[in-house]
Amino acid sequence: MVRTRLSGAQRGLAAALDTTCRIALFVSGFALLAMTAIVAYAVFGRFVLNDTPAWAESASMLLMGWMIMGAAAVGVREGFHMGFDALKSVLPAPVGRFFDVVSDLCITGFGAGMVWFTGELAAEVADTTLPVLGLNGAIEYAPMTLGGILITLFGIERLLAHAAGRLAPADRHPTPILTDA
């Protein structure tokens, strides 16, 4: 893979996407902590107080969406998404790079599909209210729509890096945000 220098605009965009990636990971981590606290409170309420809070399950499910979609988007940027890794390991490097592009095309298309279809779902339920939480019904689809936007954005960034002959963002960072260790 050819290593080319980034222009000032490209460096600025990469820095903005780095920041966006870190924010998504922070939101995901915060959602996990909040969800854990809510579930712990619900268990305490049920078994100690004998009064389970009605809102706990709905709130924790909503937070789970934020946790999953934030982490999934970061996984796309960092290259931890599903791909052809087992197949690539036995193929010549140029063919492996081709499969990297195919994988990133699939992920980008998936993200765009998420944006489109969850946007439609959100529009369909925007006039409803979640009964237990009292929030607009479209809020249930917000994490999936935002996650789809980020997945698409990070996928496009990876595709542009492939097209320019540069390393993808996960390959440029000396220390990735996430590790599989």
N, C-alpha and C. Protein backbone atom coordinates (compact mmCIF):
# COMPACT_ATOMS: atom_id res chain seq x y z
N MET A 1 0.86 -1.16 0.00
CA MET A 1 0.00 0.00 0.00
C MET A 1 0.90 1.23 0.00
N VAL A 2 0.61 2.16 -0.85
CA VAL A 2 1.39 3.38 -0.97
C VAL A 2 1.01 4.31 0.17
N ARG A 3 1.99 4.88 0.81
CA ARG A 3 1.73 5.84 1.88
C ARG A 3 1.92 7.25 1.32
N THR A 4 0.83 7.96 1.16
CA THR A 4 0.90 9.32 0.66
C THR A 4 0.61 10.28 1.80
N ARG A 5 1.14 11.47 1.67
CA ARG A 5 0.92 12.49 2.69
C ARG A 5 -0.46 13.09 2.52
N LEU A 6 -1.06 13.42 3.63
CA LEU A 6 -2.38 14.04 3.60
C LEU A 6 -2.24 15.55 3.44
N SER A 7 -3.15 16.14 2.67
CA SER A 7 -3.17 17.61 2.54
C SER A 7 -3.72 18.20 3.83
N GLY A 8 -3.67 19.51 3.94
CA GLY A 8 -4.19 20.19 5.12
C GLY A 8 -5.67 19.92 5.34
N ALA A 9 -6.45 19.97 4.27
CA ALA A 9 -7.89 19.71 4.37
C ALA A 9 -8.15 18.26 4.78
N GLN A 10 -7.36 17.34 4.22
CA GLN A 10 -7.53 15.94 4.57
C GLN A 10 -7.16 15.67 6.03
N ARG A 11 -6.10 16.34 6.48
CA ARG A 11 -5.72 16.21 7.90
C ARG A 11 -6.81 16.77 8.80
N GLY A 12 -7.40 17.90 8.39
CA GLY A 12 -8.48 18.49 9.18
C GLY A 12 -9.69 17.58 9.24
N LEU A 13 -10.03 16.98 8.11
CA LEU A 13 -11.17 16.04 8.08
C LEU A 13 -10.86 14.82 8.93
N ALA A 14 -9.65 14.31 8.82
CA ALA A 14 -9.26 13.14 9.63
C ALA A 14 -9.32 13.47 11.12
N ALA A 15 -8.89 14.67 11.50
CA ALA A 15 -8.95 15.08 12.90
C ALA A 15 -10.40 15.19 13.36
N ALA A 16 -11.26 15.75 12.50
CA ALA A 16 -12.68 15.88 12.85
C ALA A 16 -13.32 14.50 13.02
N LEU A 17 -12.96 13.57 12.14
CA LEU A 17 -13.51 12.22 12.25
C LEU A 17 -12.93 11.48 13.45
N ASP A 18 -11.67 11.76 13.79
CA ASP A 18 -11.10 11.20 15.03
C ASP A 18 -11.91 11.66 16.23
N THR A 19 -12.20 12.95 16.27
CA THR A 19 -12.98 13.51 17.38
C THR A 19 -14.38 12.91 17.41
N THR A 20 -15.00 12.81 16.25
CA THR A 20 -16.34 12.21 16.16
C THR A 20 -16.32 10.77 16.65
N CYS A 21 -15.28 10.05 16.27
CA CYS A 21 -15.13 8.66 16.69
C CYS A 21 -15.00 8.56 18.21
N ARG A 22 -14.21 9.43 18.78
CA ARG A 22 -14.03 9.42 20.25
C ARG A 22 -15.32 9.81 20.97
N ILE A 23 -16.06 10.75 20.42
CA ILE A 23 -17.35 11.14 21.02
C ILE A 23 -18.32 9.96 20.96
N ALA A 24 -18.37 9.27 19.82
CA ALA A 24 -19.25 8.11 19.69
C ALA A 24 -18.88 7.03 20.71
N LEU A 25 -17.60 6.81 20.91
CA LEU A 25 -17.17 5.82 21.89
C LEU A 25 -17.50 6.27 23.31
N PHE A 26 -17.35 7.57 23.59
CA PHE A 26 -17.71 8.09 24.90
C PHE A 26 -19.21 7.93 25.16
N VAL A 27 -20.04 8.28 24.18
CA VAL A 27 -21.50 8.14 24.33
C VAL A 27 -21.85 6.68 24.55
N SER A 28 -21.21 5.80 23.81
CA SER A 28 -21.45 4.38 23.95
C SER A 28 -21.09 3.89 25.36
N GLY A 29 -19.94 4.31 25.85
CA GLY A 29 -19.52 3.93 27.20
C GLY A 29 -20.42 4.49 28.27
N PHE A 30 -20.83 5.76 28.09
CA PHE A 30 -21.74 6.37 29.05
C PHE A 30 -23.08 5.64 29.06
N ALA A 31 -23.57 5.26 27.87
CA ALA A 31 -24.84 4.54 27.79
C ALA A 31 -24.73 3.19 28.50
N LEU A 32 -23.58 2.52 28.36
CA LEU A 32 -23.38 1.25 29.04
C LEU A 32 -23.40 1.43 30.55
N LEU A 33 -22.72 2.45 31.05
CA LEU A 33 -22.72 2.71 32.49
C LEU A 33 -24.12 3.06 33.00
N ALA A 34 -24.82 3.92 32.26
CA ALA A 34 -26.17 4.31 32.67
C ALA A 34 -27.11 3.11 32.64
N MET A 35 -27.00 2.30 31.61
CA MET A 35 -27.85 1.11 31.50
C MET A 35 -27.58 0.16 32.66
N THR A 36 -26.32 -0.02 33.01
CA THR A 36 -25.96 -0.89 34.13
C THR A 36 -26.54 -0.37 35.44
N ALA A 37 -26.45 0.93 35.65
CA ALA A 37 -27.00 1.53 36.87
C ALA A 37 -28.52 1.38 36.92
N ILE A 38 -29.18 1.57 35.80
CA ILE A 38 -30.65 1.45 35.76
C ILE A 38 -31.08 0.02 36.02
N VAL A 39 -30.40 -0.94 35.42
CA VAL A 39 -30.75 -2.35 35.65
C VAL A 39 -30.50 -2.72 37.11
N ALA A 40 -29.39 -2.25 37.67
CA ALA A 40 -29.10 -2.52 39.08
C ALA A 40 -30.19 -1.93 39.97
N TYR A 41 -30.63 -0.71 39.65
CA TYR A 41 -31.70 -0.08 40.42
C TYR A 41 -33.01 -0.85 40.28
N ALA A 42 -33.29 -1.37 39.09
CA ALA A 42 -34.51 -2.15 38.87
C ALA A 42 -34.47 -3.44 39.68
N VAL A 43 -33.32 -4.10 39.71
CA VAL A 43 -33.18 -5.33 40.50
C VAL A 43 -33.34 -5.01 41.99
N PHE A 44 -32.69 -3.93 42.44
CA PHE A 44 -32.83 -3.50 43.84
C PHE A 44 -34.30 -3.21 44.16
N GLY A 45 -34.95 -2.49 43.26
CA GLY A 45 -36.36 -2.17 43.47
C GLY A 45 -37.24 -3.40 43.54
N ARG A 46 -36.94 -4.36 42.70
CA ARG A 46 -37.79 -5.56 42.66
C ARG A 46 -37.59 -6.45 43.88
N PHE A 47 -36.34 -6.69 44.24
CA PHE A 47 -36.08 -7.67 45.29
C PHE A 47 -35.93 -7.08 46.69
N VAL A 48 -35.61 -5.81 46.81
CA VAL A 48 -35.45 -5.21 48.13
C VAL A 48 -36.67 -4.37 48.48
N LEU A 49 -37.06 -3.50 47.57
CA LEU A 49 -38.18 -2.60 47.83
C LEU A 49 -39.53 -3.21 47.44
N ASN A 50 -39.50 -4.32 46.72
CA ASN A 50 -40.71 -4.96 46.20
C ASN A 50 -41.55 -3.99 45.36
N ASP A 51 -40.85 -3.12 44.63
CA ASP A 51 -41.52 -2.12 43.79
C ASP A 51 -40.62 -1.84 42.58
N THR A 52 -40.83 -2.59 41.51
CA THR A 52 -40.00 -2.42 40.31
C THR A 52 -40.39 -1.14 39.58
N PRO A 53 -39.42 -0.27 39.28
CA PRO A 53 -39.75 0.93 38.52
C PRO A 53 -40.19 0.56 37.10
N ALA A 54 -41.32 1.07 36.67
CA ALA A 54 -41.89 0.72 35.38
C ALA A 54 -41.03 1.20 34.21
N TRP A 55 -40.31 2.27 34.38
CA TRP A 55 -39.56 2.89 33.30
C TRP A 55 -38.20 2.24 33.06
N ALA A 56 -37.74 1.41 33.99
CA ALA A 56 -36.37 0.90 33.95
C ALA A 56 -36.10 0.06 32.70
N GLU A 57 -36.98 -0.85 32.35
CA GLU A 57 -36.73 -1.70 31.20
C GLU A 57 -36.70 -0.90 29.90
N SER A 58 -37.65 0.00 29.73
CA SER A 58 -37.69 0.82 28.51
C SER A 58 -36.46 1.72 28.40
N ALA A 59 -36.07 2.31 29.51
CA ALA A 59 -34.90 3.19 29.49
C ALA A 59 -33.62 2.41 29.19
N SER A 60 -33.48 1.24 29.79
CA SER A 60 -32.26 0.45 29.54
C SER A 60 -32.22 -0.06 28.11
N MET A 61 -33.36 -0.39 27.53
CA MET A 61 -33.38 -0.82 26.13
C MET A 61 -33.01 0.33 25.19
N LEU A 62 -33.48 1.52 25.51
CA LEU A 62 -33.12 2.70 24.71
C LEU A 62 -31.62 2.98 24.80
N LEU A 63 -31.08 2.88 26.00
CA LEU A 63 -29.64 3.08 26.19
C LEU A 63 -28.82 1.99 25.50
N MET A 64 -29.37 0.79 25.43
CA MET A 64 -28.65 -0.29 24.74
C MET A 64 -28.46 0.05 23.26
N GLY A 65 -29.46 0.67 22.67
CA GLY A 65 -29.33 1.10 21.28
C GLY A 65 -28.20 2.08 21.10
N TRP A 66 -28.08 3.04 22.01
CA TRP A 66 -26.99 4.03 21.93
C TRP A 66 -25.64 3.35 22.12
N MET A 67 -25.59 2.39 23.06
CA MET A 67 -24.33 1.71 23.32
C MET A 67 -23.89 0.90 22.10
N ILE A 68 -24.80 0.14 21.54
CA ILE A 68 -24.45 -0.74 20.42
C ILE A 68 -24.08 0.06 19.18
N MET A 69 -24.88 1.06 18.84
CA MET A 69 -24.63 1.78 17.60
C MET A 69 -23.35 2.63 17.66
N GLY A 70 -23.07 3.21 18.81
CA GLY A 70 -21.82 3.97 18.94
C GLY A 70 -20.61 3.08 18.79
N ALA A 71 -20.65 1.94 19.45
CA ALA A 71 -19.53 1.01 19.38
C ALA A 71 -19.40 0.41 17.98
N ALA A 72 -20.52 0.15 17.32
CA ALA A 72 -20.47 -0.40 15.95
C ALA A 72 -19.84 0.60 14.99
N ALA A 73 -20.19 1.87 15.12
CA ALA A 73 -19.61 2.89 14.24
C ALA A 73 -18.10 3.00 14.47
N VAL A 74 -17.68 2.99 15.72
CA VAL A 74 -16.25 3.04 16.02
C VAL A 74 -15.56 1.80 15.47
N GLY A 75 -16.23 0.66 15.54
CA GLY A 75 -15.68 -0.57 14.99
C GLY A 75 -15.45 -0.48 13.49
N VAL A 76 -16.33 0.22 12.78
CA VAL A 76 -16.13 0.41 11.35
C VAL A 76 -14.90 1.27 11.11
N ARG A 77 -14.78 2.34 11.82
CA ARG A 77 -13.62 3.23 11.61
C ARG A 77 -12.32 2.54 11.96
N GLU A 78 -12.34 1.75 13.01
CA GLU A 78 -11.13 1.08 13.47
C GLU A 78 -10.87 -0.24 12.75
N GLY A 79 -11.76 -0.64 11.85
CA GLY A 79 -11.54 -1.85 11.07
C GLY A 79 -11.90 -3.14 11.78
N PHE A 80 -12.75 -3.07 12.81
CA PHE A 80 -13.15 -4.28 13.53
C PHE A 80 -14.46 -4.85 13.01
N HIS A 81 -14.98 -4.31 11.92
CA HIS A 81 -16.24 -4.81 11.39
C HIS A 81 -16.00 -6.14 10.68
N MET A 82 -17.10 -6.80 10.35
CA MET A 82 -16.99 -8.09 9.65
C MET A 82 -16.33 -7.88 8.30
N GLY A 83 -15.53 -8.81 7.92
CA GLY A 83 -14.83 -8.71 6.64
C GLY A 83 -14.43 -10.08 6.14
N PHE A 84 -13.42 -10.09 5.30
CA PHE A 84 -12.96 -11.32 4.68
C PHE A 84 -11.58 -11.71 5.22
N ASP A 85 -11.35 -11.51 6.50
CA ASP A 85 -10.02 -11.69 7.06
C ASP A 85 -9.46 -13.10 6.87
N ALA A 86 -10.28 -14.12 7.08
CA ALA A 86 -9.79 -15.50 6.93
C ALA A 86 -9.41 -15.76 5.48
N LEU A 87 -10.22 -15.28 4.56
CA LEU A 87 -9.93 -15.47 3.14
C LEU A 87 -8.71 -14.65 2.72
N LYS A 88 -8.62 -13.42 3.23
CA LYS A 88 -7.50 -12.54 2.87
C LYS A 88 -6.15 -13.11 3.27
N SER A 89 -6.12 -13.86 4.35
CA SER A 89 -4.83 -14.36 4.84
C SER A 89 -4.20 -15.38 3.91
N VAL A 90 -4.98 -16.00 3.03
CA VAL A 90 -4.42 -17.00 2.11
C VAL A 90 -4.30 -16.48 0.69
N LEU A 91 -4.68 -15.23 0.47
CA LEU A 91 -4.65 -14.64 -0.87
C LEU A 91 -3.46 -13.70 -1.02
N PRO A 92 -3.03 -13.45 -2.25
CA PRO A 92 -1.99 -12.44 -2.47
C PRO A 92 -2.47 -11.06 -2.01
N ALA A 93 -1.55 -10.20 -1.63
CA ALA A 93 -1.88 -8.88 -1.08
C ALA A 93 -2.81 -8.05 -1.97
N PRO A 94 -2.59 -7.98 -3.29
CA PRO A 94 -3.51 -7.16 -4.11
C PRO A 94 -4.95 -7.67 -4.08
N VAL A 95 -5.12 -8.98 -4.05
CA VAL A 95 -6.47 -9.55 -3.98
C VAL A 95 -7.07 -9.28 -2.61
N GLY A 96 -6.24 -9.35 -1.58
CA GLY A 96 -6.71 -9.03 -0.22
C GLY A 96 -7.18 -7.59 -0.13
N ARG A 97 -6.46 -6.66 -0.77
CA ARG A 97 -6.89 -5.26 -0.78
C ARG A 97 -8.22 -5.10 -1.51
N PHE A 98 -8.41 -5.87 -2.57
CA PHE A 98 -9.68 -5.85 -3.28
C PHE A 98 -10.82 -6.25 -2.33
N PHE A 99 -10.60 -7.29 -1.53
CA PHE A 99 -11.63 -7.72 -0.58
C PHE A 99 -11.83 -6.68 0.53
N ASP A 100 -10.79 -5.94 0.89
CA ASP A 100 -10.96 -4.83 1.83
C ASP A 100 -11.94 -3.81 1.26
N VAL A 101 -11.78 -3.48 -0.01
CA VAL A 101 -12.66 -2.51 -0.66
C VAL A 101 -14.08 -3.05 -0.72
N VAL A 102 -14.23 -4.32 -1.11
CA VAL A 102 -15.57 -4.92 -1.17
C VAL A 102 -16.23 -4.89 0.20
N SER A 103 -15.48 -5.25 1.22
CA SER A 103 -16.00 -5.23 2.59
C SER A 103 -16.44 -3.82 2.99
N ASP A 104 -15.60 -2.83 2.70
CA ASP A 104 -15.94 -1.46 3.06
C ASP A 104 -17.13 -0.94 2.25
N LEU A 105 -17.27 -1.39 1.00
CA LEU A 105 -18.45 -1.03 0.21
C LEU A 105 -19.72 -1.61 0.84
N CYS A 106 -19.65 -2.86 1.26
CA CYS A 106 -20.81 -3.49 1.90
C CYS A 106 -21.19 -2.78 3.20
N ILE A 107 -20.20 -2.47 4.02
CA ILE A 107 -20.47 -1.81 5.29
C ILE A 107 -21.05 -0.41 5.06
N THR A 108 -20.51 0.31 4.08
CA THR A 108 -21.01 1.66 3.78
C THR A 108 -22.45 1.59 3.27
N GLY A 109 -22.73 0.63 2.41
CA GLY A 109 -24.10 0.45 1.93
C GLY A 109 -25.05 0.07 3.05
N PHE A 110 -24.57 -0.77 3.97
CA PHE A 110 -25.39 -1.14 5.12
C PHE A 110 -25.71 0.08 5.97
N GLY A 111 -24.71 0.92 6.21
CA GLY A 111 -24.93 2.14 7.00
C GLY A 111 -25.93 3.07 6.33
N ALA A 112 -25.81 3.23 5.01
CA ALA A 112 -26.75 4.08 4.28
C ALA A 112 -28.15 3.51 4.34
N GLY A 113 -28.26 2.19 4.24
CA GLY A 113 -29.57 1.56 4.38
C GLY A 113 -30.17 1.77 5.76
N MET A 114 -29.33 1.70 6.78
CA MET A 114 -29.82 1.97 8.14
C MET A 114 -30.38 3.38 8.26
N VAL A 115 -29.67 4.34 7.71
CA VAL A 115 -30.13 5.73 7.77
C VAL A 115 -31.49 5.85 7.09
N TRP A 116 -31.60 5.30 5.90
CA TRP A 116 -32.82 5.41 5.12
C TRP A 116 -34.00 4.75 5.83
N PHE A 117 -33.84 3.48 6.19
CA PHE A 117 -34.97 2.73 6.72
C PHE A 117 -35.33 3.12 8.16
N THR A 118 -34.34 3.41 9.00
CA THR A 118 -34.70 3.85 10.35
C THR A 118 -35.26 5.26 10.33
N GLY A 119 -34.83 6.07 9.35
CA GLY A 119 -35.45 7.39 9.18
C GLY A 119 -36.92 7.26 8.82
N GLU A 120 -37.24 6.31 7.93
CA GLU A 120 -38.64 6.07 7.59
C GLU A 120 -39.44 5.59 8.80
N LEU A 121 -38.86 4.67 9.56
CA LEU A 121 -39.54 4.18 10.77
C LEU A 121 -39.78 5.31 11.77
N ALA A 122 -38.76 6.14 11.96
CA ALA A 122 -38.90 7.27 12.90
C ALA A 122 -40.00 8.22 12.45
N ALA A 123 -40.08 8.46 11.15
CA ALA A 123 -41.12 9.35 10.64
C ALA A 123 -42.51 8.75 10.86
N GLU A 124 -42.61 7.43 10.75
CA GLU A 124 -43.91 6.76 10.94
C GLU A 124 -44.42 6.87 12.38
N VAL A 125 -43.50 6.86 13.34
CA VAL A 125 -43.93 6.85 14.75
C VAL A 125 -43.68 8.19 15.45
N ALA A 126 -43.36 9.22 14.67
CA ALA A 126 -43.04 10.52 15.27
C ALA A 126 -44.24 11.14 15.99
N ASP A 127 -45.43 10.74 15.64
CA ASP A 127 -46.62 11.33 16.28
C ASP A 127 -47.11 10.51 17.47
N THR A 128 -46.32 9.51 17.89
CA THR A 128 -46.70 8.70 19.04
C THR A 128 -45.81 9.06 20.24
N THR A 129 -46.19 8.56 21.38
CA THR A 129 -45.42 8.78 22.61
C THR A 129 -45.12 7.42 23.23
N LEU A 130 -43.88 7.24 23.68
CA LEU A 130 -43.54 6.01 24.41
C LEU A 130 -44.28 6.04 25.74
N PRO A 131 -45.11 5.05 26.01
CA PRO A 131 -46.01 5.14 27.16
C PRO A 131 -45.32 5.29 28.51
N VAL A 132 -44.28 4.53 28.77
CA VAL A 132 -43.67 4.54 30.09
C VAL A 132 -42.73 5.73 30.27
N LEU A 133 -42.02 6.09 29.20
CA LEU A 133 -41.02 7.16 29.30
C LEU A 133 -41.59 8.54 28.97
N GLY A 134 -42.69 8.59 28.23
CA GLY A 134 -43.27 9.88 27.86
C GLY A 134 -42.48 10.62 26.79
N LEU A 135 -41.62 9.90 26.07
CA LEU A 135 -40.81 10.52 25.01
C LEU A 135 -41.46 10.28 23.65
N ASN A 136 -41.07 11.10 22.69
CA ASN A 136 -41.54 10.93 21.33
C ASN A 136 -41.14 9.55 20.81
N GLY A 137 -42.02 8.88 20.08
CA GLY A 137 -41.76 7.54 19.58
C GLY A 137 -40.56 7.45 18.67
N ALA A 138 -40.22 8.54 17.99
CA ALA A 138 -39.08 8.52 17.07
C ALA A 138 -37.75 8.38 17.78
N ILE A 139 -37.73 8.66 19.08
CA ILE A 139 -36.46 8.59 19.82
C ILE A 139 -35.91 7.16 19.85
N GLU A 140 -36.78 6.17 19.70
CA GLU A 140 -36.31 4.79 19.67
C GLU A 140 -35.40 4.52 18.47
N TYR A 141 -35.59 5.25 17.39
CA TYR A 141 -34.83 5.03 16.18
C TYR A 141 -33.65 5.98 16.03
N ALA A 142 -33.53 6.93 16.92
CA ALA A 142 -32.43 7.90 16.85
C ALA A 142 -31.06 7.24 16.92
N PRO A 143 -30.82 6.28 17.83
CA PRO A 143 -29.48 5.69 17.86
C PRO A 143 -29.15 4.94 16.58
N MET A 144 -30.13 4.27 16.00
CA MET A 144 -29.87 3.52 14.77
C MET A 144 -29.64 4.47 13.59
N THR A 145 -30.39 5.55 13.55
CA THR A 145 -30.19 6.51 12.47
C THR A 145 -28.84 7.19 12.60
N LEU A 146 -28.51 7.67 13.78
CA LEU A 146 -27.22 8.32 13.99
C LEU A 146 -26.07 7.32 13.80
N GLY A 147 -26.24 6.10 14.29
CA GLY A 147 -25.23 5.07 14.07
C GLY A 147 -25.04 4.79 12.59
N GLY A 148 -26.14 4.75 11.84
CA GLY A 148 -26.04 4.54 10.40
C GLY A 148 -25.31 5.68 9.70
N ILE A 149 -25.56 6.91 10.16
CA ILE A 149 -24.85 8.06 9.59
C ILE A 149 -23.35 7.92 9.84
N LEU A 150 -22.99 7.57 11.07
CA LEU A 150 -21.57 7.42 11.40
C LEU A 150 -20.93 6.25 10.65
N ILE A 151 -21.65 5.14 10.55
CA ILE A 151 -21.11 3.98 9.82
C ILE A 151 -20.88 4.36 8.36
N THR A 152 -21.85 5.07 7.77
CA THR A 152 -21.70 5.50 6.38
C THR A 152 -20.53 6.46 6.23
N LEU A 153 -20.43 7.43 7.12
CA LEU A 153 -19.35 8.41 7.08
C LEU A 153 -17.99 7.75 7.22
N PHE A 154 -17.86 6.86 8.20
CA PHE A 154 -16.58 6.18 8.41
C PHE A 154 -16.28 5.21 7.26
N GLY A 155 -17.31 4.59 6.69
CA GLY A 155 -17.11 3.72 5.54
C GLY A 155 -16.63 4.50 4.33
N ILE A 156 -17.22 5.67 4.11
CA ILE A 156 -16.78 6.53 3.00
C ILE A 156 -15.33 6.95 3.20
N GLU A 157 -14.98 7.27 4.44
CA GLU A 157 -13.59 7.64 4.73
C GLU A 157 -12.64 6.50 4.37
N ARG A 158 -13.02 5.28 4.71
CA ARG A 158 -12.18 4.12 4.38
C ARG A 158 -12.10 3.93 2.87
N LEU A 159 -13.23 4.10 2.18
CA LEU A 159 -13.24 3.93 0.72
C LEU A 159 -12.38 4.99 0.04
N LEU A 160 -12.45 6.23 0.52
CA LEU A 160 -11.62 7.29 -0.05
C LEU A 160 -10.14 7.01 0.18
N ALA A 161 -9.82 6.45 1.34
CA ALA A 161 -8.42 6.08 1.60
C ALA A 161 -7.96 5.00 0.62
N HIS A 162 -8.83 4.01 0.36
CA HIS A 162 -8.48 2.97 -0.62
C HIS A 162 -8.27 3.59 -1.99
N ALA A 163 -9.18 4.49 -2.39
CA ALA A 163 -9.10 5.10 -3.73
C ALA A 163 -7.84 5.94 -3.89
N ALA A 164 -7.40 6.58 -2.81
CA ALA A 164 -6.21 7.43 -2.87
C ALA A 164 -4.92 6.63 -2.67
N GLY A 165 -5.05 5.33 -2.42
CA GLY A 165 -3.86 4.51 -2.19
C GLY A 165 -3.26 4.72 -0.82
N ARG A 166 -4.08 5.24 0.11
CA ARG A 166 -3.60 5.47 1.48
C ARG A 166 -4.08 4.35 2.39
N LEU A 167 -3.51 4.33 3.56
CA LEU A 167 -3.94 3.38 4.58
C LEU A 167 -5.27 3.84 5.16
N ALA A 168 -6.11 2.88 5.49
CA ALA A 168 -7.38 3.18 6.15
C ALA A 168 -7.10 3.73 7.54
N PRO A 169 -8.07 4.45 8.14
CA PRO A 169 -7.81 5.09 9.44
C PRO A 169 -7.28 4.14 10.51
N ALA A 170 -7.80 2.92 10.58
CA ALA A 170 -7.33 1.99 11.61
C ALA A 170 -5.88 1.62 11.40
N ASP A 171 -5.44 1.62 10.16
CA ASP A 171 -4.06 1.26 9.85
C ASP A 171 -3.10 2.42 10.04
N ARG A 172 -3.61 3.65 10.09
CA ARG A 172 -2.77 4.83 10.27
C ARG A 172 -2.44 5.08 11.73
N HIS A 173 -3.35 4.69 12.63
CA HIS A 173 -3.16 5.00 14.04
C HIS A 173 -2.17 4.03 14.68
N PRO A 174 -1.18 4.57 15.36
CA PRO A 174 -0.25 3.67 16.05
C PRO A 174 -0.92 2.93 17.20
N THR A 175 -1.91 3.56 17.84
CA THR A 175 -2.66 2.89 18.90
C THR A 175 -4.13 3.11 18.63
N PRO A 176 -4.85 2.07 18.22
CA PRO A 176 -6.27 2.23 17.93
C PRO A 176 -7.05 2.53 19.20
N ILE A 177 -8.24 3.10 19.02
CA ILE A 177 -9.11 3.40 20.16
C ILE A 177 -9.56 2.11 20.81
N LEU A 178 -9.97 1.14 20.01
CA LEU A 178 -10.42 -0.15 20.50
C LEU A 178 -9.38 -1.20 20.17
N THR A 179 -9.28 -2.21 20.98
CA THR A 179 -8.44 -3.35 20.65
C THR A 179 -9.25 -4.62 20.86
N ASP A 180 -8.87 -5.66 20.19
CA ASP A 180 -9.60 -6.92 20.36
C ASP A 180 -8.91 -7.81 21.40
N ALA A 181 -8.02 -7.23 22.17
CA ALA A 181 -7.34 -8.00 23.22
C ALA A 181 -8.12 -7.98 24.51
